[in-house]
C-alpha atoms as a PDB file:
ATOM      1  CA  UNK A   1      -9.030  48.208  57.832  1.00  0.00           C
ATOM      2  CA  UNK A   2     -11.950  50.338  57.711  1.00  0.00           C
ATOM      3  CA  UNK A   3     -15.136  48.266  58.409  1.00  0.00           C
ATOM      4  CA  UNK A   4     -18.773  48.561  57.541  1.00  0.00           C
ATOM      5  CA  UNK A   5     -20.827  49.291  60.772  1.00  0.00           C
ATOM      6  CA  UNK A   6     -22.196  45.691  60.724  1.00  0.00           C
ATOM      7  CA  UNK A   7     -18.858  44.079  60.442  1.00  0.00           C
ATOM      8  CA  UNK A   8     -17.679  46.304  63.427  1.00  0.00           C
ATOM      9  CA  UNK A   9     -20.643  44.868  65.547  1.00  0.00           C
ATOM     10  CA  UNK A  10     -19.634  41.363  64.450  1.00  0.00           C
ATOM     11  CA  UNK A  11     -15.969  42.132  65.573  1.00  0.00           C
ATOM     12  CA  UNK A  12     -17.076  43.539  68.708  1.00  0.00           C
ATOM     13  CA  UNK A  13     -19.485  40.461  69.535  1.00  0.00           C
ATOM     14  CA  UNK A  14     -16.646  37.735  68.954  1.00  0.00           C
ATOM     15  CA  UNK A  15     -13.704  39.738  70.482  1.00  0.00           C
ATOM     16  CA  UNK A  16     -15.741  40.035  73.555  1.00  0.00           C
ATOM     17  CA  UNK A  17     -17.268  36.645  73.573  1.00  0.00           C
ATOM     18  CA  UNK A  18     -15.264  34.100  71.491  1.00  0.00           C
ATOM     19  CA  UNK A  19     -17.544  31.643  69.859  1.00  0.00           C
ATOM     20  CA  UNK A  20     -17.925  28.478  72.029  1.00  0.00           C
ATOM     21  CA  UNK A  21     -15.911  29.654  74.995  1.00  0.00           C
ATOM     22  CA  UNK A  22     -18.905  29.222  77.358  1.00  0.00           C
ATOM     23  CA  UNK A  23     -19.042  25.471  76.684  1.00  0.00           C
ATOM     24  CA  UNK A  24     -15.786  24.609  78.214  1.00  0.00           C
ATOM     25  CA  UNK A  25     -17.083  24.608  81.832  1.00  0.00           C
ATOM     26  CA  UNK A  26     -14.478  25.283  84.522  1.00  0.00           C
ATOM     27  CA  UNK A  27     -11.568  24.832  82.344  1.00  0.00           C
ATOM     28  CA  UNK A  28      -8.984  27.646  82.420  1.00  0.00           C
ATOM     29  CA  UNK A  29      -9.594  29.596  79.100  1.00  0.00           C
ATOM     30  CA  UNK A  30      -6.587  29.285  76.657  1.00  0.00           C
ATOM     31  CA  UNK A  31      -5.284  25.778  78.050  1.00  0.00           C
ATOM     32  CA  UNK A  32      -5.151  22.749  76.020  1.00  0.00           C
ATOM     33  CA  UNK A  33      -7.801  21.232  78.413  1.00  0.00           C
ATOM     34  CA  UNK A  34      -9.904  24.343  77.540  1.00  0.00           C
ATOM     35  CA  UNK A  35      -9.856  23.565  73.854  1.00  0.00           C
ATOM     36  CA  UNK A  36     -10.306  19.962  74.051  1.00  0.00           C
ATOM     37  CA  UNK A  37     -13.496  20.541  76.193  1.00  0.00           C
ATOM     38  CA  UNK A  38     -14.730  22.909  73.750  1.00  0.00           C
ATOM     39  CA  UNK A  39     -14.252  20.392  70.927  1.00  0.00           C
ATOM     40  CA  UNK A  40     -15.749  17.637  72.990  1.00  0.00           C
ATOM     41  CA  UNK A  41     -18.875  19.684  73.540  1.00  0.00           C
ATOM     42  CA  UNK A  42     -19.240  20.753  69.837  1.00  0.00           C
ATOM     43  CA  UNK A  43     -18.966  17.276  68.279  1.00  0.00           C
ATOM     44  CA  UNK A  44     -20.575  15.279  71.142  1.00  0.00           C
ATOM     45  CA  UNK A  45     -23.187  17.520  72.605  1.00  0.00           C
ATOM     46  CA  UNK A  46     -24.050  20.519  70.416  1.00  0.00           C
ATOM     47  CA  UNK A  47     -23.633  19.084  66.998  1.00  0.00           C
ATOM     48  CA  UNK A  48     -22.950  15.243  66.878  1.00  0.00           C
ATOM     49  CA  UNK A  49     -23.833  15.357  63.096  1.00  0.00           C
ATOM     50  CA  UNK A  50     -20.886  17.519  62.145  1.00  0.00           C
ATOM     51  CA  UNK A  51     -18.177  14.977  61.676  1.00  0.00           C
ATOM     52  CA  UNK A  52     -20.124  12.890  59.389  1.00  0.00           C
ATOM     53  CA  UNK A  53     -21.632  15.919  57.461  1.00  0.00           C
ATOM     54  CA  UNK A  54     -18.359  17.832  57.086  1.00  0.00           C
ATOM     55  CA  UNK A  55     -16.144  14.869  56.276  1.00  0.00           C
ATOM     56  CA  UNK A  56     -12.998  16.752  57.721  1.00  0.00           C
ATOM     57  CA  UNK A  57     -10.748  13.892  57.081  1.00  0.00           C
ATOM     58  CA  UNK A  58     -11.603  13.590  53.304  1.00  0.00           C
ATOM     59  CA  UNK A  59      -9.686  17.031  52.717  1.00  0.00           C
ATOM     60  CA  UNK A  60      -6.307  15.458  53.805  1.00  0.00           C
ATOM     61  CA  UNK A  61      -3.453  16.998  52.076  1.00  0.00           C
ATOM     62  CA  UNK A  62      -5.489  20.008  50.875  1.00  0.00           C
ATOM     63  CA  UNK A  63      -4.678  23.686  51.167  1.00  0.00           C
ATOM     64  CA  UNK A  64      -7.750  24.716  53.255  1.00  0.00           C
ATOM     65  CA  UNK A  65      -8.954  28.283  54.105  1.00  0.00           C
ATOM     66  CA  UNK A  66     -11.330  28.531  56.896  1.00  0.00           C
ATOM     67  CA  UNK A  67     -13.431  31.917  57.030  1.00  0.00           C
ATOM     68  CA  UNK A  68     -14.517  32.530  60.654  1.00  0.00           C
ATOM     69  CA  UNK A  69     -12.654  30.259  62.857  1.00  0.00           C
ATOM     70  CA  UNK A  70     -14.043  30.714  66.282  1.00  0.00           C
ATOM     71  CA  UNK A  71     -11.826  28.832  68.836  1.00  0.00           C
ATOM     72  CA  UNK A  72     -10.326  26.622  66.019  1.00  0.00           C
ATOM     73  CA  UNK A  73     -12.321  23.500  66.722  1.00  0.00           C
ATOM     74  CA  UNK A  74     -13.081  22.731  62.924  1.00  0.00           C
ATOM     75  CA  UNK A  75      -9.839  24.167  62.126  1.00  0.00           C
ATOM     76  CA  UNK A  76      -8.231  21.425  64.208  1.00  0.00           C
ATOM     77  CA  UNK A  77     -10.141  18.761  62.516  1.00  0.00           C
ATOM     78  CA  UNK A  78      -8.566  19.869  59.090  1.00  0.00           C
ATOM     79  CA  UNK A  79      -5.131  20.249  60.423  1.00  0.00           C
ATOM     80  CA  UNK A  80      -5.087  16.984  62.206  1.00  0.00           C
ATOM     81  CA  UNK A  81      -5.962  15.380  58.943  1.00  0.00           C
ATOM     82  CA  UNK A  82      -2.950  16.685  57.457  1.00  0.00           C
ATOM     83  CA  UNK A  83      -4.159  19.984  55.759  1.00  0.00           C
ATOM     84  CA  UNK A  84      -2.447  23.133  55.169  1.00  0.00           C
ATOM     85  CA  UNK A  85      -4.399  25.596  57.043  1.00  0.00           C
ATOM     86  CA  UNK A  86      -5.111  29.431  56.627  1.00  0.00           C
ATOM     87  CA  UNK A  87      -7.324  31.161  59.020  1.00  0.00           C
ATOM     88  CA  UNK A  88      -9.358  34.292  57.961  1.00  0.00           C
ATOM     89  CA  UNK A  89     -11.532  36.280  60.711  1.00  0.00           C
ATOM     90  CA  UNK A  90     -12.533  39.855  61.548  1.00  0.00           C
ATOM     91  CA  UNK A  91     -11.916  38.818  65.220  1.00  0.00           C
ATOM     92  CA  UNK A  92      -8.369  39.216  66.776  1.00  0.00           C
ATOM     93  CA  UNK A  93      -9.469  36.930  69.548  1.00  0.00           C
ATOM     94  CA  UNK A  94     -10.525  34.193  67.336  1.00  0.00           C
ATOM     95  CA  UNK A  95      -7.368  34.172  65.430  1.00  0.00           C
ATOM     96  CA  UNK A  96      -5.445  34.443  68.735  1.00  0.00           C
ATOM     97  CA  UNK A  97      -7.291  31.449  70.046  1.00  0.00           C
ATOM     98  CA  UNK A  98      -6.894  29.521  66.915  1.00  0.00           C
ATOM     99  CA  UNK A  99      -3.214  30.011  66.698  1.00  0.00           C
ATOM    100  CA  UNK A 100      -2.745  29.144  70.299  1.00  0.00           C
ATOM    101  CA  UNK A 101      -5.072  25.997  70.025  1.00  0.00           C
ATOM    102  CA  UNK A 102      -3.058  24.739  66.992  1.00  0.00           C
ATOM    103  CA  UNK A 103       0.364  25.355  68.808  1.00  0.00           C
ATOM    104  CA  UNK A 104      -0.754  23.463  71.982  1.00  0.00           C
ATOM    105  CA  UNK A 105      -1.828  20.389  69.677  1.00  0.00           C
ATOM    106  CA  UNK A 106       1.425  20.826  67.777  1.00  0.00           C
ATOM    107  CA  UNK A 107      -0.002  22.033  64.584  1.00  0.00           C
ATOM    108  CA  UNK A 108       0.158  25.185  62.492  1.00  0.00           C
ATOM    109  CA  UNK A 109      -2.004  27.677  60.718  1.00  0.00           C
ATOM    110  CA  UNK A 110      -1.268  31.036  58.947  1.00  0.00           C
ATOM    111  CA  UNK A 111      -3.684  33.543  60.670  1.00  0.00           C
ATOM    112  CA  UNK A 112      -5.048  36.597  58.619  1.00  0.00           C
ATOM    113  CA  UNK A 113      -7.121  39.312  60.082  1.00  0.00           C
ATOM    114  CA  UNK A 114      -9.247  40.197  57.179  1.00  0.00           C
ATOM    115  CA  UNK A 115     -12.908  40.644  55.522  1.00  0.00           C
ATOM    116  CA  UNK A 116     -14.517  37.705  53.767  1.00  0.00           C
ATOM    117  CA  UNK A 117     -15.839  40.319  51.222  1.00  0.00           C
ATOM    118  CA  UNK A 118     -12.277  41.506  50.232  1.00  0.00           C
ATOM    119  CA  UNK A 119      -9.909  38.499  50.835  1.00  0.00           C
ATOM    120  CA  UNK A 120      -6.223  39.224  50.740  1.00  0.00           C
ATOM    121  CA  UNK A 121      -5.307  36.149  48.620  1.00  0.00           C
ATOM    122  CA  UNK A 122      -4.327  35.420  45.271  1.00  0.00           C
ATOM    123  CA  UNK A 123      -6.793  33.776  42.707  1.00  0.00           C
ATOM    124  CA  UNK A 124      -6.817  30.017  42.774  1.00  0.00           C
ATOM    125  CA  UNK A 125      -5.007  29.551  46.157  1.00  0.00           C
ATOM    126  CA  UNK A 126      -6.887  26.970  47.963  1.00  0.00           C
ATOM    127  CA  UNK A 127      -8.336  23.562  47.446  1.00  0.00           C
ATOM    128  CA  UNK A 128     -10.845  23.905  49.989  1.00  0.00           C
ATOM    129  CA  UNK A 129     -12.737  26.876  51.558  1.00  0.00           C
ATOM    130  CA  UNK A 130     -14.861  26.204  54.522  1.00  0.00           C
ATOM    131  CA  UNK A 131     -17.142  28.626  56.353  1.00  0.00           C
ATOM    132  CA  UNK A 132     -19.523  27.283  58.950  1.00  0.00           C
ATOM    133  CA  UNK A 133     -22.155  29.599  60.448  1.00  0.00           C
ATOM    134  CA  UNK A 134     -20.315  32.828  59.450  1.00  0.00           C
ATOM    135  CA  UNK A 135     -21.212  34.253  56.172  1.00  0.00           C
ATOM    136  CA  UNK A 136     -24.895  35.230  57.065  1.00  0.00           C
ATOM    137  CA  UNK A 137     -23.150  37.798  59.487  1.00  0.00           C
ATOM    138  CA  UNK A 138     -21.585  39.826  56.568  1.00  0.00           C
ATOM    139  CA  UNK A 139     -23.667  42.394  54.922  1.00  0.00           C
ATOM    140  CA  UNK A 140     -22.738  41.319  51.318  1.00  0.00           C
ATOM    141  CA  UNK A 141     -22.935  37.429  51.457  1.00  0.00           C
ATOM    142  CA  UNK A 142     -22.924  37.340  47.792  1.00  0.00           C
ATOM    143  CA  UNK A 143     -19.829  39.214  47.483  1.00  0.00           C
ATOM    144  CA  UNK A 144     -18.093  36.942  50.000  1.00  0.00           C
ATOM    145  CA  UNK A 145     -19.011  33.991  47.982  1.00  0.00           C
ATOM    146  CA  UNK A 146     -17.723  35.581  44.877  1.00  0.00           C
ATOM    147  CA  UNK A 147     -14.417  35.816  46.769  1.00  0.00           C
ATOM    148  CA  UNK A 148     -14.862  32.209  47.742  1.00  0.00           C
ATOM    149  CA  UNK A 149     -14.878  31.371  44.101  1.00  0.00           C
ATOM    150  CA  UNK A 150     -12.083  33.479  43.153  1.00  0.00           C
ATOM    151  CA  UNK A 151      -9.560  32.083  45.630  1.00  0.00           C
ATOM    152  CA  UNK A 152     -10.597  28.379  45.028  1.00  0.00           C
ATOM    153  CA  UNK A 153      -8.414  26.425  42.410  1.00  0.00           C
ATOM    154  CA  UNK A 154     -10.491  25.121  39.470  1.00  0.00           C
ATOM    155  CA  UNK A 155     -12.079  21.906  40.848  1.00  0.00           C
ATOM    156  CA  UNK A 156     -11.784  23.044  44.464  1.00  0.00           C
ATOM    157  CA  UNK A 157     -14.614  22.574  47.000  1.00  0.00           C
ATOM    158  CA  UNK A 158     -16.474  25.142  48.986  1.00  0.00           C
ATOM    159  CA  UNK A 159     -18.208  24.040  52.125  1.00  0.00           C
ATOM    160  CA  UNK A 160     -20.601  26.671  53.415  1.00  0.00           C
ATOM    161  CA  UNK A 161     -23.078  26.635  56.346  1.00  0.00           C
ATOM    162  CA  UNK A 162     -25.714  29.337  56.602  1.00  0.00           C
ATOM    163  CA  UNK A 163     -28.691  29.928  59.000  1.00  0.00           C
ATOM    164  CA  UNK A 164     -31.758  28.171  57.569  1.00  0.00           C
ATOM    165  CA  UNK A 165     -34.874  30.270  57.311  1.00  0.00           C
ATOM    166  CA  UNK A 166     -37.356  27.319  57.078  1.00  0.00           C
ATOM    167  CA  UNK A 167     -36.259  25.838  60.421  1.00  0.00           C
ATOM    168  CA  UNK A 168     -38.094  24.871  63.517  1.00  0.00           C
ATOM    169  CA  UNK A 169     -35.763  27.078  65.516  1.00  0.00           C
ATOM    170  CA  UNK A 170     -36.244  30.186  63.408  1.00  0.00           C
ATOM    171  CA  UNK A 171     -40.117  29.948  62.954  1.00  0.00           C
ATOM    172  CA  UNK A 172     -41.099  28.626  66.337  1.00  0.00           C
ATOM    173  CA  UNK A 173     -38.318  29.598  68.821  1.00  0.00           C
ATOM    174  CA  UNK A 174     -37.191  32.954  67.205  1.00  0.00           C
ATOM    175  CA  UNK A 175     -40.242  34.373  65.549  1.00  0.00           C
ATOM    176  CA  UNK A 176     -43.146  32.901  67.499  1.00  0.00           C
ATOM    177  CA  UNK A 177     -42.004  32.521  71.068  1.00  0.00           C
ATOM    178  CA  UNK A 178     -39.428  35.275  71.372  1.00  0.00           C
ATOM    179  CA  UNK A 179     -40.800  37.622  68.679  1.00  0.00           C
ATOM    180  CA  UNK A 180     -44.569  37.416  69.199  1.00  0.00           C
ATOM    181  CA  UNK A 181     -45.338  35.652  72.388  1.00  0.00           C
ATOM    182  CA  UNK A 182     -42.685  37.442  74.408  1.00  0.00           C
ATOM    183  CA  UNK A 183     -43.219  40.865  72.532  1.00  0.00           C
ATOM    184  CA  UNK A 184     -39.426  41.225  71.423  1.00  0.00           C
ATOM    185  CA  UNK A 185     -40.288  41.937  67.804  1.00  0.00           C
ATOM    186  CA  UNK A 186     -42.298  44.871  68.804  1.00  0.00           C
ATOM    187  CA  UNK A 187     -40.023  46.247  71.656  1.00  0.00           C
ATOM    188  CA  UNK A 188     -36.559  45.465  70.013  1.00  0.00           C
ATOM    189  CA  UNK A 189     -37.371  45.307  66.323  1.00  0.00           C
ATOM    190  CA  UNK A 190     -36.261  42.786  63.454  1.00  0.00           C
ATOM    191  CA  UNK A 191     -32.601  43.390  63.598  1.00  0.00           C
ATOM    192  CA  UNK A 192     -32.124  43.191  67.250  1.00  0.00           C
ATOM    193  CA  UNK A 193     -34.571  40.283  67.506  1.00  0.00           C
ATOM    194  CA  UNK A 194     -32.245  38.286  65.100  1.00  0.00           C
ATOM    195  CA  UNK A 195     -29.011  39.509  66.577  1.00  0.00           C
ATOM    196  CA  UNK A 196     -29.900  38.032  70.008  1.00  0.00           C
ATOM    197  CA  UNK A 197     -29.670  34.547  68.401  1.00  0.00           C
ATOM    198  CA  UNK A 198     -26.086  34.865  69.090  1.00  0.00           C
ATOM    199  CA  UNK A 199     -24.949  34.504  72.756  1.00  0.00           C
ATOM    200  CA  UNK A 200     -23.305  37.565  74.289  1.00  0.00           C
ATOM    201  CA  UNK A 201     -22.286  37.918  77.964  1.00  0.00           C
ATOM    202  CA  UNK A 202     -23.638  41.476  77.894  1.00  0.00           C
ATOM    203  CA  UNK A 203     -26.903  41.826  75.795  1.00  0.00           C
ATOM    204  CA  UNK A 204     -26.116  45.409  75.111  1.00  0.00           C
ATOM    205  CA  UNK A 205     -22.535  44.926  73.856  1.00  0.00           C
ATOM    206  CA  UNK A 206     -23.065  44.240  70.260  1.00  0.00           C
ATOM    207  CA  UNK A 207     -25.789  43.684  67.632  1.00  0.00           C
ATOM    208  CA  UNK A 208     -24.334  41.397  64.982  1.00  0.00           C
ATOM    209  CA  UNK A 209     -25.937  41.090  61.698  1.00  0.00           C
ATOM    210  CA  UNK A 210     -27.956  37.830  61.508  1.00  0.00           C
ATOM    211  CA  UNK A 211     -29.522  36.772  58.108  1.00  0.00           C
ATOM    212  CA  UNK A 212     -31.499  33.603  57.296  1.00  0.00           C
ATOM    213  CA  UNK A 213     -31.623  31.768  53.928  1.00  0.00           C
ATOM    214  CA  UNK A 214     -33.995  29.326  52.201  1.00  0.00           C
ATOM    215  CA  UNK A 215     -32.696  26.335  49.957  1.00  0.00           C
ATOM    216  CA  UNK A 216     -33.680  28.385  46.933  1.00  0.00           C
ATOM    217  CA  UNK A 217     -31.854  31.572  48.013  1.00  0.00           C
ATOM    218  CA  UNK A 218     -28.708  29.424  48.974  1.00  0.00           C
ATOM    219  CA  UNK A 219     -29.005  27.777  45.495  1.00  0.00           C
ATOM    220  CA  UNK A 220     -29.065  31.467  43.910  1.00  0.00           C
ATOM    221  CA  UNK A 221     -26.019  32.518  45.940  1.00  0.00           C
ATOM    222  CA  UNK A 222     -24.131  29.594  44.684  1.00  0.00           C
ATOM    223  CA  UNK A 223     -25.161  29.757  41.123  1.00  0.00           C
ATOM    224  CA  UNK A 224     -21.511  30.425  39.917  1.00  0.00           C
ATOM    225  CA  UNK A 225     -20.445  27.057  41.312  1.00  0.00           C
ATOM    226  CA  UNK A 226     -21.474  23.421  40.673  1.00  0.00           C
ATOM    227  CA  UNK A 227     -23.655  22.597  43.575  1.00  0.00           C
ATOM    228  CA  UNK A 228     -22.954  18.976  44.663  1.00  0.00           C
ATOM    229  CA  UNK A 229     -25.317  19.014  47.609  1.00  0.00           C
ATOM    230  CA  UNK A 230     -27.320  21.025  50.137  1.00  0.00           C
ATOM    231  CA  UNK A 231     -28.322  19.463  53.183  1.00  0.00           C
ATOM    232  CA  UNK A 232     -30.024  20.849  56.457  1.00  0.00           C
ATOM    233  CA  UNK A 233     -28.891  19.693  59.972  1.00  0.00           C
ATOM    234  CA  UNK A 234     -29.029  20.658  63.575  1.00  0.00           C
ATOM    235  CA  UNK A 235     -32.070  20.352  65.669  1.00  0.00           C
ATOM    236  CA  UNK A 236     -32.457  23.453  67.986  1.00  0.00           C
ATOM    237  CA  UNK A 237     -35.039  24.374  70.555  1.00  0.00           C
ATOM    238  CA  UNK A 238     -37.984  23.726  70.585  1.00  0.00           C
ATOM    239  CA  UNK A 239     -37.642  20.516  68.630  1.00  0.00           C
ATOM    240  CA  UNK A 240     -34.770  19.573  70.681  1.00  0.00           C
ATOM    241  CA  UNK A 241     -37.015  19.412  73.732  1.00  0.00           C
ATOM    242  CA  UNK A 242     -38.179  16.103  72.289  1.00  0.00           C
ATOM    243  CA  UNK A 243     -34.693  14.586  73.510  1.00  0.00           C
ATOM    244  CA  UNK A 244     -36.488  13.482  76.655  1.00  0.00           C
ATOM    245  CA  UNK A 245     -38.382  10.851  74.588  1.00  0.00           C
ATOM    246  CA  UNK A 246     -36.118  10.356  71.614  1.00  0.00           C
ATOM    247  CA  UNK A 247     -32.419   9.987  71.194  1.00  0.00           C
ATOM    248  CA  UNK A 248     -30.643  13.015  69.599  1.00  0.00           C
ATOM    249  CA  UNK A 249     -29.349  10.898  66.778  1.00  0.00           C
ATOM    250  CA  UNK A 250     -32.918   9.723  65.835  1.00  0.00           C
ATOM    251  CA  UNK A 251     -34.179  13.307  66.064  1.00  0.00           C
ATOM    252  CA  UNK A 252     -31.305  14.560  63.783  1.00  0.00           C
ATOM    253  CA  UNK A 253     -32.271  11.820  61.357  1.00  0.00           C
ATOM    254  CA  UNK A 254     -36.173  12.231  61.413  1.00  0.00           C
ATOM    255  CA  UNK A 255     -36.259  16.155  61.744  1.00  0.00           C
ATOM    256  CA  UNK A 256     -33.153  17.306  59.899  1.00  0.00           C
ATOM    257  CA  UNK A 257     -35.359  18.871  57.196  1.00  0.00           C
ATOM    258  CA  UNK A 258     -36.270  21.548  59.877  1.00  0.00           C
ATOM    259  CA  UNK A 259     -32.598  21.802  60.995  1.00  0.00           C
ATOM    260  CA  UNK A 260     -31.097  25.233  61.795  1.00  0.00           C
ATOM    261  CA  UNK A 261     -28.153  24.925  59.408  1.00  0.00           C
ATOM    262  CA  UNK A 262     -28.098  24.763  55.542  1.00  0.00           C
ATOM    263  CA  UNK A 263     -24.843  23.114  54.589  1.00  0.00           C
ATOM    264  CA  UNK A 264     -23.784  23.408  50.986  1.00  0.00           C
ATOM    265  CA  UNK A 265     -21.119  21.590  49.323  1.00  0.00           C
ATOM    266  CA  UNK A 266     -20.001  23.103  45.845  1.00  0.00           C
ATOM    267  CA  UNK A 267     -17.331  22.929  43.216  1.00  0.00           C
ATOM    268  CA  UNK A 268     -15.590  25.550  41.308  1.00  0.00           C
ATOM    269  CA  UNK A 269     -15.796  24.519  37.543  1.00  0.00           C
END
């Protein structure tokens, strides 16, 4: 598989630092305790809004494709609800971890190393295509979403999470604080500034492509679908620093319009 340079950077990023691994504390990587600790952090600390927003259990009995699986936390949510799972990722480490995670929980998935812009699946293969925080890293997000449409069955659901341009995290933390006040926009440039949004143990190791989208841009990307809803979620710093005065759940309710994720639920006609 010959990859575009941006895709090689993404592959290098998450083969080196599998997404979410640092949240497991002292648990030994690859153990059941490790994956459960990652899940606990994801749904109770990092994104307590996810279960209600994604409604994983509502997909019970569906054929689900997840694009960009990380360590398999959301994959597990779908599989535990009785879905038939397929995992697509450019990262071999993500696929390895997700398969191991499922096996340790007594579940299964079909793991496929592949590119979201050229998916190796037949037309109308899945009831649900899910991709959370992934498709803003591929050069042709529009092409990837055309592929999502192709592999969905008629009436199937796409659930897509993209980074939100009009968020507190992007304008205040990324552009104002890191870009302007700390001078990183001048010293590192736009591409590197945005790539540093992604955690990496070695900042010089990779520069994954990072793009951000407004609601209007997201609607245009999904123009071939019937868009059911677009929500914003996930309060990141600096807004999250208000947690010392307000509970996280209240912050999410009151400030969600400035959340870091745009979550779109759409249907293939």
